[in-house]
Protein backbone atom coordinates (compact mmCIF):
# COMPACT_ATOMS: atom_id res chain seq x y z
CA UNK A 1 -0.31 -0.02 0.02
CA UNK A 2 1.37 3.45 -1.06
CA UNK A 3 1.76 6.10 1.88
CA UNK A 4 -0.35 9.29 1.12
CA UNK A 5 2.46 12.17 0.29
CA UNK A 6 3.00 15.02 2.81
CA UNK A 7 1.20 18.36 1.69
CA UNK A 8 3.69 20.96 -0.20
CA UNK A 9 3.38 23.13 3.02
CA UNK A 10 6.80 24.93 1.92
CA UNK A 11 5.52 25.61 -1.74
CA UNK A 12 2.04 26.76 -0.59
CA UNK A 13 3.80 29.26 1.92
CA UNK A 14 5.89 30.67 -0.71
CA UNK A 15 3.18 30.85 -3.46
CA UNK A 16 0.97 32.45 -0.77
CA UNK A 17 3.61 35.13 0.41
CA UNK A 18 4.38 35.81 -3.64
CA UNK A 19 0.47 37.01 -4.06
CA UNK A 20 0.64 38.63 -0.78
CA UNK A 21 3.55 40.93 -1.76
CA UNK A 22 1.56 41.35 -4.82
CA UNK A 23 -1.46 42.68 -3.44
CA UNK A 24 -3.51 39.64 -3.88
CA UNK A 25 -4.69 39.36 -0.09
CA UNK A 26 -7.64 36.94 -1.08
CA UNK A 27 -5.64 34.37 -2.97
CA UNK A 28 -2.91 34.75 -0.34
CA UNK A 29 -5.16 34.06 2.49
CA UNK A 30 -6.79 31.05 0.79
CA UNK A 31 -3.47 29.52 0.51
CA UNK A 32 -2.67 29.97 4.22
CA UNK A 33 -5.75 28.60 5.02
CA UNK A 34 -4.56 25.84 2.93
CA UNK A 35 -1.68 25.40 4.99
CA UNK A 36 -3.40 25.68 7.92
CA UNK A 37 -5.82 23.02 7.39
CA UNK A 38 -3.01 20.81 6.82
CA UNK A 39 -0.85 22.15 9.75
CA UNK A 40 -3.19 24.25 12.19
CA UNK A 41 -0.45 25.29 14.08
CA UNK A 42 2.10 26.22 11.82
CA UNK A 43 3.48 29.42 12.71
CA UNK A 44 4.30 31.07 9.60
CA UNK A 45 1.02 30.56 8.31
CA UNK A 46 -0.46 31.65 11.33
CA UNK A 47 1.45 34.64 11.48
CA UNK A 48 0.90 35.70 7.97
CA UNK A 49 -2.52 35.07 7.82
CA UNK A 50 -2.51 37.65 10.66
CA UNK A 51 -0.46 39.70 8.51
CA UNK A 52 -3.20 39.74 5.94
CA UNK A 53 -5.98 40.46 8.66
CA UNK A 54 -3.89 43.81 9.30
CA UNK A 55 -3.35 44.71 5.82
CA UNK A 56 -7.50 44.82 5.31
CA UNK A 57 -7.91 46.77 8.40
CA UNK A 58 -9.08 43.65 10.34
CA UNK A 59 -6.66 44.38 13.18
CA UNK A 60 -8.30 42.77 16.15
CA UNK A 61 -8.97 39.86 13.95
CA UNK A 62 -4.92 39.88 12.94
CA UNK A 63 -4.13 40.05 17.03
CA UNK A 64 -5.98 36.25 17.68
CA UNK A 65 -3.59 34.98 14.71
CA UNK A 66 -0.66 36.54 15.90
CA UNK A 67 -1.01 35.12 19.39
CA UNK A 68 -1.55 31.67 18.38
CA UNK A 69 1.94 32.02 16.12
CA UNK A 70 3.75 33.31 19.53
CA UNK A 71 2.21 30.32 21.23
CA UNK A 72 2.59 27.82 18.61
CA UNK A 73 6.75 28.65 18.48
CA UNK A 74 7.56 30.71 21.44
CA UNK A 75 11.17 31.90 20.32
CA UNK A 76 9.25 33.45 17.17
CA UNK A 77 9.97 37.26 17.38
CA UNK A 78 7.80 38.31 14.17
CA UNK A 79 4.06 38.03 15.61
CA UNK A 80 5.22 40.00 18.39
CA UNK A 81 6.77 42.86 16.23
CA UNK A 82 3.50 42.27 13.60
CA UNK A 83 1.03 42.23 16.85
CA UNK A 84 2.89 45.64 18.13
CA UNK A 85 1.79 47.10 14.33
CA UNK A 86 -1.66 45.59 15.31
CA UNK A 87 -2.14 47.29 18.56
CA UNK A 88 -0.70 50.41 17.24
CA UNK A 89 -3.08 50.81 14.44
CA UNK A 90 -5.81 50.32 17.05
CA UNK A 91 -4.41 53.42 19.18
CA UNK A 92 -3.60 50.75 21.67
CA UNK A 93 0.03 51.97 21.95
CA UNK A 94 0.87 51.04 25.46
CA UNK A 95 0.59 47.43 24.60
CA UNK A 96 2.41 47.98 21.67
CA UNK A 97 5.35 48.72 23.57
CA UNK A 98 4.99 45.47 25.42
CA UNK A 99 4.77 43.87 21.91
CA UNK A 100 7.40 45.44 20.35
CA UNK A 101 9.77 44.84 23.72
CA UNK A 102 9.09 41.43 23.85
CA UNK A 103 10.38 41.17 20.31
CA UNK A 104 13.58 42.55 20.89
CA UNK A 105 13.99 40.44 24.17
CA UNK A 106 13.67 37.45 21.70
CA UNK A 107 15.71 39.09 18.95
CA UNK A 108 18.02 41.44 20.29
CA UNK A 109 19.06 42.62 16.86
CA UNK A 110 15.32 42.99 15.66
CA UNK A 111 16.08 46.68 13.62
CA UNK A 112 12.40 47.24 13.15
CA UNK A 113 11.18 46.41 16.79
CA UNK A 114 13.84 48.61 17.82
CA UNK A 115 12.59 51.44 15.39
CA UNK A 116 8.80 51.18 16.16
CA UNK A 117 9.44 50.83 20.15
CA UNK A 118 11.04 54.18 19.42
CA UNK A 119 8.69 55.95 17.33
CA UNK A 120 5.81 55.00 19.65
CA UNK A 121 7.66 56.72 22.52
CA UNK A 122 8.06 59.72 20.54
CA UNK A 123 4.46 59.73 19.12
CA UNK A 124 3.42 59.28 23.22
CA UNK A 125 5.38 62.20 23.97
CA UNK A 126 7.82 60.35 26.36
CA UNK A 127 10.77 61.62 24.79
CA UNK A 128 13.54 60.31 27.15
CA UNK A 129 12.47 56.83 26.50
CA UNK A 130 12.02 57.32 22.28
CA UNK A 131 16.11 58.41 23.03
CA UNK A 132 17.02 55.55 25.09
CA UNK A 133 15.15 53.19 22.44
CA UNK A 134 17.18 54.53 19.24
CA UNK A 135 20.22 54.89 21.50
CA UNK A 136 19.73 51.05 22.23
CA UNK A 137 18.88 50.36 18.55
CA UNK A 138 22.34 52.06 17.31
CA UNK A 139 24.18 49.53 19.88
CA UNK A 140 22.52 46.42 18.51
CA UNK A 141 21.94 47.78 15.05
CA UNK A 142 24.98 49.64 14.43
CA UNK A 143 24.93 49.20 10.70
CA UNK A 144 21.23 50.53 10.38
CA UNK A 145 21.08 54.09 9.46
CA UNK A 146 17.89 54.85 10.68
CA UNK A 147 18.85 54.45 14.42
CA UNK A 148 21.33 57.05 14.40
CA UNK A 149 19.00 59.47 12.04
CA UNK A 150 16.04 59.34 14.66
CA UNK A 151 18.12 59.60 17.86
CA UNK A 152 19.92 62.28 16.29
CA UNK A 153 16.16 63.86 15.52
CA UNK A 154 14.95 63.04 18.93
CA UNK A 155 17.89 64.58 20.51
CA UNK A 156 17.59 67.86 18.43
CA UNK A 157 13.83 67.92 19.47
CA UNK A 158 14.92 67.48 23.05
CA UNK A 159 17.01 70.19 23.32
CA UNK A 160 14.79 73.53 23.86
CA UNK A 161 13.40 71.37 27.31
CA UNK A 162 17.19 70.18 28.01
CA UNK A 163 18.76 72.07 30.70
CA UNK A 164 21.18 74.56 29.90
CA UNK A 165 23.92 72.66 31.53
CA UNK A 166 23.52 69.43 29.22
CA UNK A 167 22.21 71.01 26.16
CA UNK A 168 25.57 71.55 24.44
CA UNK A 169 26.10 67.93 25.22
CA UNK A 170 23.01 66.72 24.07
CA UNK A 171 23.64 69.04 20.75
CA UNK A 172 27.01 66.92 20.61
CA UNK A 173 25.56 63.86 20.50
CA UNK A 174 22.92 64.57 17.67
CA UNK A 175 25.51 66.04 15.58
CA UNK A 176 27.38 63.01 16.18
CA UNK A 177 24.38 60.78 15.54
CA UNK A 178 23.46 62.77 12.17
CA UNK A 179 27.13 62.27 11.15
CA UNK A 180 26.89 58.72 11.33
CA UNK A 181 23.84 58.21 10.07
CA UNK A 182 24.86 60.17 6.87
CA UNK A 183 28.19 57.85 6.85
CA UNK A 184 25.82 54.75 6.17
CA UNK A 185 23.53 56.28 4.16
CA UNK A 186 24.79 59.87 2.57
CA UNK A 187 21.84 59.63 -0.22
CA UNK A 188 19.11 60.25 2.31
CA UNK A 189 17.66 63.41 1.82
CA UNK A 190 15.61 63.36 5.19
CA UNK A 191 18.57 62.94 7.22
CA UNK A 192 19.87 66.06 5.45
CA UNK A 193 16.90 67.53 6.49
CA UNK A 194 16.82 66.78 9.98
CA UNK A 195 20.53 67.50 10.69
CA UNK A 196 19.66 71.11 9.20
CA UNK A 197 17.43 71.60 11.90
CA UNK A 198 20.14 70.75 14.62
CA UNK A 199 22.61 73.42 12.63
CA UNK A 200 19.28 75.97 12.84
CA UNK A 201 18.69 75.62 16.33
CA UNK A 202 22.83 76.26 17.27
CA UNK A 203 22.89 79.48 15.03
CA UNK A 204 24.75 77.49 12.10
CA UNK A 205 22.68 79.09 9.39
CA UNK A 206 25.34 78.29 6.62
CA UNK A 207 25.74 74.46 7.46
CA UNK A 208 21.94 74.38 7.74
CA UNK A 209 21.67 75.73 4.30
CA UNK A 210 24.34 73.49 2.90
CA UNK A 211 22.37 70.58 4.16
CA UNK A 212 18.86 71.53 2.69
CA UNK A 213 20.75 72.16 -0.59
CA UNK A 214 21.80 68.37 -0.68
CA UNK A 215 18.56 67.56 0.61
CA UNK A 216 16.91 69.30 -2.49
CA UNK A 217 19.05 68.30 -4.97
CA UNK A 218 17.98 64.50 -3.95
CA UNK A 219 14.05 65.57 -3.59
CA UNK A 220 13.60 68.52 -5.79
CA UNK A 221 9.88 68.78 -5.16
CA UNK A 222 9.87 69.59 -1.29
CA UNK A 223 8.51 72.36 -0.35
CA UNK A 224 8.92 72.35 3.44
CA UNK A 225 12.73 71.96 2.18
CA UNK A 226 12.33 75.09 0.15
CA UNK A 227 10.89 77.05 3.01
CA UNK A 228 13.62 76.06 5.47
CA UNK A 229 16.45 77.24 2.85
CA UNK A 230 14.60 80.22 2.88
CA UNK A 231 14.40 80.37 6.35
CA UNK A 232 18.67 80.17 6.35
CA UNK A 233 18.84 82.88 3.62
CA UNK A 234 16.76 85.32 5.69
CA UNK A 235 18.51 84.47 8.67
CA UNK A 236 22.14 85.34 6.91
CA UNK A 237 20.82 88.70 5.84
CA UNK A 238 19.42 87.92 1.89
CA UNK A 239 16.17 88.46 2.83
CA UNK A 240 15.49 89.40 -1.11
CA UNK A 241 17.07 86.24 -1.83
CA UNK A 242 14.48 84.29 0.73
CA UNK A 243 11.60 85.78 -0.67
CA UNK A 244 12.64 83.85 -4.00
CA UNK A 245 13.14 80.61 -2.34
CA UNK A 246 9.69 80.79 -0.11
CA UNK A 247 8.08 81.55 -3.53
CA UNK A 248 9.45 78.45 -4.73
CA UNK A 249 8.06 76.63 -1.95
CA UNK A 250 4.84 78.43 -2.87
CA UNK A 251 5.21 77.03 -6.35
CA UNK A 252 5.17 73.64 -5.48
CA UNK A 253 2.88 73.74 -2.64
CA UNK A 254 0.30 76.51 -3.00
CA UNK A 255 -1.34 75.35 0.23
CA UNK A 256 1.60 75.40 2.19
CA UNK A 257 0.89 77.91 4.87
CA UNK A 258 4.28 78.14 6.68
CA UNK A 259 6.17 79.27 3.50
CA UNK A 260 3.17 81.82 2.87
CA UNK A 261 3.26 83.15 6.96
CA UNK A 262 7.34 83.18 6.50
CA UNK A 263 7.22 85.19 3.45
CA UNK A 264 4.90 87.41 5.04
CA UNK A 265 6.96 88.05 7.93
CA UNK A 266 9.86 88.81 5.57
CA UNK A 267 8.02 91.22 3.52
CA UNK A 268 7.35 92.95 7.15
CA UNK A 269 10.99 92.69 7.71
CA UNK A 270 11.88 94.79 4.33
CA UNK A 271 9.12 96.97 5.12
CA UNK A 272 6.82 96.16 2.24
CA UNK A 273 3.85 96.00 5.35
CA UNK A 274 1.07 96.05 3.26
CA UNK A 275 2.24 92.11 1.53
CA UNK A 276 3.66 91.28 4.83
CA UNK A 277 0.53 91.82 7.01
CA UNK A 278 -1.59 89.40 4.24
CA UNK A 279 0.58 86.39 4.61
CA UNK A 280 1.25 87.01 8.80
CA UNK A 281 -2.87 87.01 9.12
CA UNK A 282 -2.83 83.40 8.00
CA UNK A 283 -0.20 82.05 10.57
CA UNK A 284 -2.89 80.25 12.37
CA UNK A 285 -3.74 78.28 9.41
CA UNK A 286 -0.26 76.52 9.91
CA UNK A 287 -0.60 73.48 12.22
CA UNK A 288 3.24 73.92 13.85
CA UNK A 289 2.29 77.73 14.62
CA UNK A 290 2.92 77.49 18.29
CA UNK A 291 -0.35 79.78 19.36
CA UNK A 292 -3.80 78.66 18.90
CA UNK A 293 -6.60 80.88 17.61
CA UNK A 294 -9.35 81.99 20.03
CA UNK A 295 -12.79 80.85 18.77
CA UNK A 296 -14.97 83.96 19.31
CA UNK A 297 -18.62 83.93 17.64
CA UNK A 298 -18.33 87.41 16.57
CA UNK A 299 -16.76 88.06 13.18
CA UNK A 300 -13.24 89.49 12.93
CA UNK A 301 -12.89 93.34 12.19
CA UNK A 302 -11.18 93.96 9.01
CA UNK A 303 -11.31 97.70 9.15
CA UNK A 304 -14.92 98.04 9.30
CA UNK A 305 -16.30 101.58 10.45
CA UNK A 306 -16.32 101.35 14.05
CA UNK A 307 -18.94 104.11 14.87
CA UNK A 308 -21.45 103.26 17.42
CA UNK A 309 -19.57 99.35 17.43
CA UNK A 310 -18.11 97.65 19.52
CA UNK A 311 -15.01 95.55 19.40
CA UNK A 312 -12.88 92.92 21.59
CA UNK A 313 -9.14 93.12 21.33
CA UNK A 314 -6.98 90.15 22.39
CA UNK A 315 -3.41 88.93 22.32
CA UNK A 316 -2.42 85.77 21.05
CA UNK A 317 1.43 85.39 21.79
CA UNK A 318 3.92 86.24 24.33
CA UNK A 319 3.93 89.41 26.61
CA UNK A 320 6.87 91.58 24.47
CA UNK A 321 4.18 91.06 21.58
CA UNK A 322 1.32 92.46 23.46
CA UNK A 323 3.17 95.11 24.27
CA UNK A 324 4.45 95.98 21.06
CA UNK A 325 1.29 95.67 19.17
CA UNK A 326 -0.69 96.92 22.11
CA UNK A 327 0.60 100.28 20.81
CA UNK A 328 -2.19 100.56 18.17
CA UNK A 329 -4.92 99.95 20.73
CA UNK A 330 -5.39 103.74 21.23
CA UNK A 331 -6.28 104.21 17.73
CA UNK A 332 -8.74 101.40 17.21
CA UNK A 333 -10.64 102.17 20.62
CA UNK A 334 -10.90 105.92 19.48
CA UNK A 335 -12.97 104.57 16.37
CA UNK A 336 -15.20 102.72 18.58
CA UNK A 337 -18.25 103.05 20.89
CA UNK A 338 -16.86 100.37 23.06
CA UNK A 339 -13.61 98.63 23.34
CA UNK A 340 -12.74 95.55 25.74
CA UNK A 341 -9.54 94.66 25.61
CA UNK A 342 -8.28 90.95 27.01
CA UNK A 343 -4.75 90.44 28.13
CA UNK A 344 -2.08 88.58 29.87
CA UNK A 345 -3.45 88.63 33.68
CA UNK A 346 -0.11 89.73 34.39
CA UNK A 347 -0.43 93.16 32.50
CA UNK A 348 -3.55 93.82 33.70
CA UNK A 349 -2.87 96.35 36.23
CA UNK A 350 -0.48 98.18 33.56
CA UNK A 351 -3.33 98.57 31.39
CA UNK A 352 -5.92 99.87 33.66
CA UNK A 353 -3.45 102.30 34.21
CA UNK A 354 -2.31 103.09 31.00
CA UNK A 355 -5.71 102.66 29.25
CA UNK A 356 -7.89 104.27 31.88
CA UNK A 357 -11.22 104.51 29.66
CA UNK A 358 -11.10 101.14 28.56
CA UNK A 359 -12.12 97.92 30.14
CA UNK A 360 -9.22 95.57 30.60
CA UNK A 361 -10.17 91.77 31.05
CA UNK A 362 -7.67 89.26 32.14
CA UNK A 363 -9.40 86.08 32.49
CA UNK A 364 -8.51 83.44 29.91
CA UNK A 365 -10.28 79.98 29.17
CA UNK A 366 -8.34 77.06 28.06
CA UNK A 367 -6.20 77.53 25.37
CA UNK A 368 -8.26 78.32 22.05
CA UNK A 369 -11.22 78.58 23.86
CA UNK A 370 -13.53 81.03 25.25
CA UNK A 371 -12.94 83.11 28.13
CA UNK A 372 -15.22 84.85 30.70
CA UNK A 373 -15.96 87.12 27.76
CA UNK A 374 -17.81 84.18 25.60
CA UNK A 375 -21.71 85.01 27.36
CA UNK A 376 -20.83 88.91 26.16
CA UNK A 377 -21.89 90.48 23.18
CA UNK A 378 -19.99 92.21 20.46
CA UNK A 379 -19.92 93.65 17.05
CA UNK A 380 -16.07 92.74 16.18
CA UNK A 381 -13.23 90.75 17.44
CA UNK A 382 -9.50 91.37 16.37
CA UNK A 383 -6.12 90.24 17.55
CA UNK A 384 -4.04 92.71 18.27
CA UNK A 385 -1.28 91.19 16.19
CA UNK A 386 -3.56 91.76 13.03
CA UNK A 387 -4.51 95.43 14.02
CA UNK A 388 -1.32 96.47 11.75
CA UNK A 389 -3.14 95.01 8.71
CA UNK A 390 -5.61 97.93 9.00
CA UNK A 391 -3.60 100.73 11.07
CA UNK A 392 0.16 100.06 9.84
CA UNK A 393 -0.08 99.64 6.24
CA UNK A 394 2.86 101.79 5.60
CA UNK A 395 5.61 103.90 7.58
CA UNK A 396 3.88 107.11 7.29
CA UNK A 397 1.22 105.22 9.39
CA UNK A 398 3.28 104.97 12.51
CA UNK A 399 2.47 107.88 14.83
CA UNK A 400 5.64 109.92 16.54
CA UNK A 401 4.33 109.31 20.30
CA UNK A 402 5.40 108.72 23.80
CA UNK A 403 5.14 105.33 24.86
CA UNK A 404 1.60 104.17 25.58
CA UNK A 405 2.22 102.31 29.24
CA UNK A 406 2.34 104.13 32.54
CA UNK A 407 4.07 102.85 35.29
CA UNK A 408 3.28 103.06 38.84
CA UNK A 409 5.39 106.26 39.74
CA UNK A 410 5.36 106.04 43.10
CA UNK A 411 6.71 102.58 43.19
CA UNK A 412 9.26 103.57 40.65
CA UNK A 413 10.31 106.70 42.94
CA UNK A 414 10.78 104.30 45.89
CA UNK A 415 12.98 102.11 43.37
CA UNK A 416 15.01 104.88 42.39
CA UNK A 417 15.64 105.97 46.00
CA UNK A 418 16.86 102.45 47.16
CA UNK A 419 18.86 102.32 44.02
CA UNK A 420 20.75 105.37 44.50
CA UNK A 421 21.26 105.43 48.19
CA UNK A 422 24.94 104.90 48.53
CA UNK A 423 25.50 106.83 44.97
CA UNK A 424 23.02 109.77 44.89
CA UNK A 425 24.51 111.93 42.00
CA UNK A 426 24.62 108.68 39.39
CA UNK A 427 22.58 107.90 36.76
CA UNK A 428 20.46 104.75 36.53
CA UNK A 429 20.97 102.44 33.55
CA UNK A 430 18.89 98.95 33.21
CA UNK A 431 20.54 96.12 31.63
CA UNK A 432 19.36 93.08 29.97
CA UNK A 433 21.32 90.88 27.89
CA UNK A 434 19.81 87.52 27.02
CA UNK A 435 16.28 85.35 26.16
CA UNK A 436 15.36 82.99 28.30
CA UNK A 437 14.13 81.06 25.32
CA UNK A 438 16.93 78.63 24.48
CA UNK A 439 15.96 78.39 20.51
CA UNK A 440 16.81 82.13 20.37
CA UNK A 441 19.62 82.85 22.92
CA UNK A 442 22.27 82.09 20.18
CA UNK A 443 20.33 84.25 17.58
CA UNK A 444 19.69 87.67 19.97
CA UNK A 445 21.82 87.36 23.18
CA UNK A 446 24.87 88.58 24.60
CA UNK A 447 27.40 87.36 27.63
CA UNK A 448 26.99 90.14 30.32
CA UNK A 449 30.96 90.10 29.85
CA UNK A 450 30.35 91.41 26.23
CA UNK A 451 29.00 94.61 27.84
CA UNK A 452 31.99 95.28 29.76
CA UNK A 453 32.57 98.70 27.99
CA UNK A 454 29.32 100.10 29.28
CA UNK A 455 29.05 98.30 32.55
CA UNK A 456 32.47 99.65 34.14
CA UNK A 457 31.48 103.66 33.49
CA UNK A 458 31.87 105.86 36.34
CA UNK A 459 28.99 107.79 37.52
CA UNK A 460 26.49 104.95 36.47
CA UNK A 461 24.34 102.54 38.70
CA UNK A 462 23.54 99.82 37.12
CA UNK A 463 20.18 97.84 38.02
CA UNK A 464 19.74 94.18 36.66
CA UNK A 465 16.45 93.86 34.55
CA UNK A 466 17.21 90.48 33.05
CA UNK A 467 14.52 87.80 33.80
CA UNK A 468 15.76 84.42 35.03
CA UNK A 469 18.38 82.92 36.94
CA UNK A 470 21.36 85.34 36.40
CA UNK A 471 22.78 85.87 40.04
CA UNK A 472 25.94 83.27 39.61
CA UNK A 473 26.67 85.18 36.22
CA UNK A 474 26.03 88.70 37.59
CA UNK A 475 28.68 87.78 40.37
CA UNK A 476 31.06 86.39 38.56
CA UNK A 477 31.09 89.35 36.21
CA UNK A 478 31.51 91.41 39.51
CA UNK A 479 34.47 89.80 40.85
CA UNK A 480 36.20 90.14 37.42
CA UNK A 481 35.75 93.56 36.63
CA UNK A 482 35.30 95.12 40.19
CA UNK A 483 31.85 96.57 39.66
CA UNK A 484 28.28 96.46 41.35
CA UNK A 485 25.44 95.78 39.61
CA UNK A 486 21.97 96.17 41.58
CA UNK A 487 20.06 92.76 41.51
CA UNK A 488 16.55 93.52 43.18
CA UNK A 489 15.52 90.25 44.24
CA UNK A 490 12.26 91.79 45.29
CA UNK A 491 11.15 92.36 41.86
CA UNK A 492 10.34 88.91 39.41
CA UNK A 493 9.72 90.29 35.81
CA UNK A 494 8.27 87.01 35.24
CA UNK A 495 5.54 87.01 37.55
CA UNK A 496 4.69 90.85 38.61
CA UNK A 497 5.18 92.82 35.43
CA UNK A 498 3.51 95.72 37.40
CA UNK A 499 6.48 96.11 39.63
CA UNK A 500 9.26 95.39 36.82
CA UNK A 501 7.37 98.50 34.96
CA UNK A 502 7.84 100.26 37.78
CA UNK A 503 11.72 99.21 37.54
CA UNK A 504 12.34 99.96 34.18
CA UNK A 505 10.41 103.43 34.50
CA UNK A 506 13.10 104.12 37.57
CA UNK A 507 16.01 103.99 35.27
CA UNK A 508 17.19 106.92 33.30
CA UNK A 509 18.00 104.37 30.28
CA UNK A 510 17.95 100.92 29.34
CA UNK A 511 20.34 98.78 27.28
CA UNK A 512 19.09 95.51 26.10
CA UNK A 513 18.50 93.18 23.23
CA UNK A 514 15.26 92.01 21.76
CA UNK A 515 13.44 90.81 24.79
CA UNK A 516 10.53 91.79 26.64
CA UNK A 517 12.77 94.20 28.48
CA UNK A 518 13.12 96.07 25.21
CA UNK A 519 9.53 96.31 24.67
CA UNK A 520 8.75 97.48 28.07
CA UNK A 521 11.52 99.94 28.12
CA UNK A 522 9.89 101.15 24.49
CA UNK A 523 6.09 101.35 25.88
CA UNK A 524 7.37 103.27 28.90
CA UNK A 525 9.18 105.81 26.79
CA UNK A 526 12.54 105.08 28.78
CA UNK A 527 15.57 106.22 26.24
CA UNK A 528 17.07 102.87 25.06
CA UNK A 529 19.96 101.14 23.28
CA UNK A 530 18.72 98.16 21.97
CA UNK A 531 21.08 95.44 19.90
CA UNK A 532 19.21 93.63 17.60
CA UNK A 533 20.50 90.79 15.77
CA UNK A 534 21.11 90.38 12.01
CA UNK A 535 18.53 88.52 10.30
CA UNK A 536 15.78 86.77 11.70
CA UNK A 537 12.40 87.41 10.67
CA UNK A 538 11.25 86.46 13.95
CA UNK A 539 12.28 89.85 14.90
CA UNK A 540 10.93 91.51 12.03
CA UNK A 541 9.40 94.36 13.74
CA UNK A 542 13.47 96.12 14.00
CA UNK A 543 13.09 95.58 10.32
CA UNK A 544 16.16 95.63 8.13
CA UNK A 545 17.67 99.11 8.09
CA UNK A 546 18.13 101.95 10.07
CA UNK A 547 19.30 102.75 14.09
CA UNK A 548 15.28 104.09 14.92
CA UNK A 549 12.19 102.29 15.51
CA UNK A 550 8.75 103.28 14.08
CA UNK A 551 7.11 101.60 17.10
CA UNK A 552 8.88 103.15 19.66
CA UNK A 553 10.39 106.56 20.01
CA UNK A 554 12.58 106.40 22.97
CA UNK A 555 14.63 103.12 21.22
CA UNK A 556 17.84 103.34 19.04
CA UNK A 557 18.81 100.31 17.32
CA UNK A 558 22.60 98.97 17.47
CA UNK A 559 22.70 96.15 14.86
CA UNK A 560 24.82 93.17 15.56
CA UNK A 561 27.46 92.11 14.60
CA UNK A 562 28.97 95.52 15.35
CA UNK A 563 30.28 97.92 18.41
CA UNK A 564 29.18 96.94 21.69
CA UNK A 565 31.24 100.00 23.41
CA UNK A 566 30.73 102.87 25.10
CA UNK A 567 30.37 105.17 21.95
CA UNK A 568 27.44 102.78 20.36
CA UNK A 569 25.62 103.76 23.80
CA UNK A 570 26.14 107.05 23.88
CA UNK A 571 25.23 107.54 20.12
CA UNK A 572 22.03 105.91 21.01
CA UNK A 573 21.32 107.76 23.72
CA UNK A 574 22.51 111.28 22.08
CA UNK A 575 19.11 111.94 20.46
CA UNK A 576 16.79 110.59 23.11
CA UNK A 577 17.07 113.55 25.43
CA UNK A 578 20.24 111.73 27.49
CA UNK A 579 23.97 112.86 27.14
């Protein structure tokens, strides 16, 4: 009697896999079922049938087969990895992490499992665990560029929240990871693009541009890369060139709002105000924009006649921006029957004193949602940042008026008396030299030592107006230069802005970089020498050329790089009422 031949299971599996890869999911599944009919515990057929289910969107069904495959062959890593993919597709990311980890436990060199583990941590906002996962991937899979690329990218994205003491080391580790990724895969445009982001953060704009140019040679129709290349040109001072590059990004993708907004800000910096405001007004359409719009139920003001009408004005960015654009509030309020201003709660005391005829409201609801004003009825609303499109369409529309803020003069007088107790004949000059935003420090900040030619002037009492933790830096400077600076710990500019306004008002003059202190000094009409960075549309409101600010008559601009010495300060103060 002839024994029946064994089923050709391997041939069926190979045929099924070929159909699967060709997209014939039904044909592949029929063959997997044929294998399982002959051998119900075949781990390959169970795993691959699960993949067919996942590829068909039946993720819960797929998980059943992945579990059966894992039980059928306990040392089989693929079912755990595939289960992780299915769980992630179902939004069950914490369970997916467990599945990927099990696949790695079985096969420590399972590159895709390491990759997905790190990507899932990143998606969940667990940055440090993502970095650890990708670092492990680089150790276990040292020839896989993806691990180094993702490690570099995650380290770069973490830099803004990394402590100042660890930031340089993290940036160096990110650079090393990108370098290794490029050594393994030099023709990958994504690696060049991500590496350019690190260079941008570090202020190395030429290096960032070089990597973007390589990325665009490899992938010419890449609007975001053209947009970023334009940002580098703008940062390097080539604003006209930047406009052309933004145009290229928009030509490739007319809906690229990031490029439209960036081009608008560059137009503003160039003084083409009407074109600039038009692009800038679309900022909330960009999902990467760091601020969210307020969902007010009333129509946005577009310059309509406000006689007999009511309007709500609100701020959508930081305190410095509210002060800058707040200079337009009196003009708009004068057009309306009723004007209500919603501001940062820390600004409310100053605003109530400065705009005594207006209603100032400081109660804000959740981000992007209504505030206590939601039940009120207004004819119009408008962000103060969008007022420029209506009342600042050209330079002739800027009035030559005093600052709009009014400090608590009694408080200012007491502070000035305190500061001059030991040297009553001195002048008082406030000093601020850096931003606490780590992504901006290299763009516009100074070291306190850079200002030594000014801070060693005789007959001056210098007052620290720098917010943040700077006591150690001040102490080191005082030891080195044998000078004293008043560091009034009673005033915290990050918390009590009314007291900070009094402190700025107590000064005869201010020396600062482009930060909130500059806007306070300008709005309070205190003579100010302002160091501004060369380029960077983020600071477009200082414009490209000139030494005066149309926003604040008390400010004189010192453009960096340039003279940081005494003569520059004297020149800045000479025509604003100081000697």
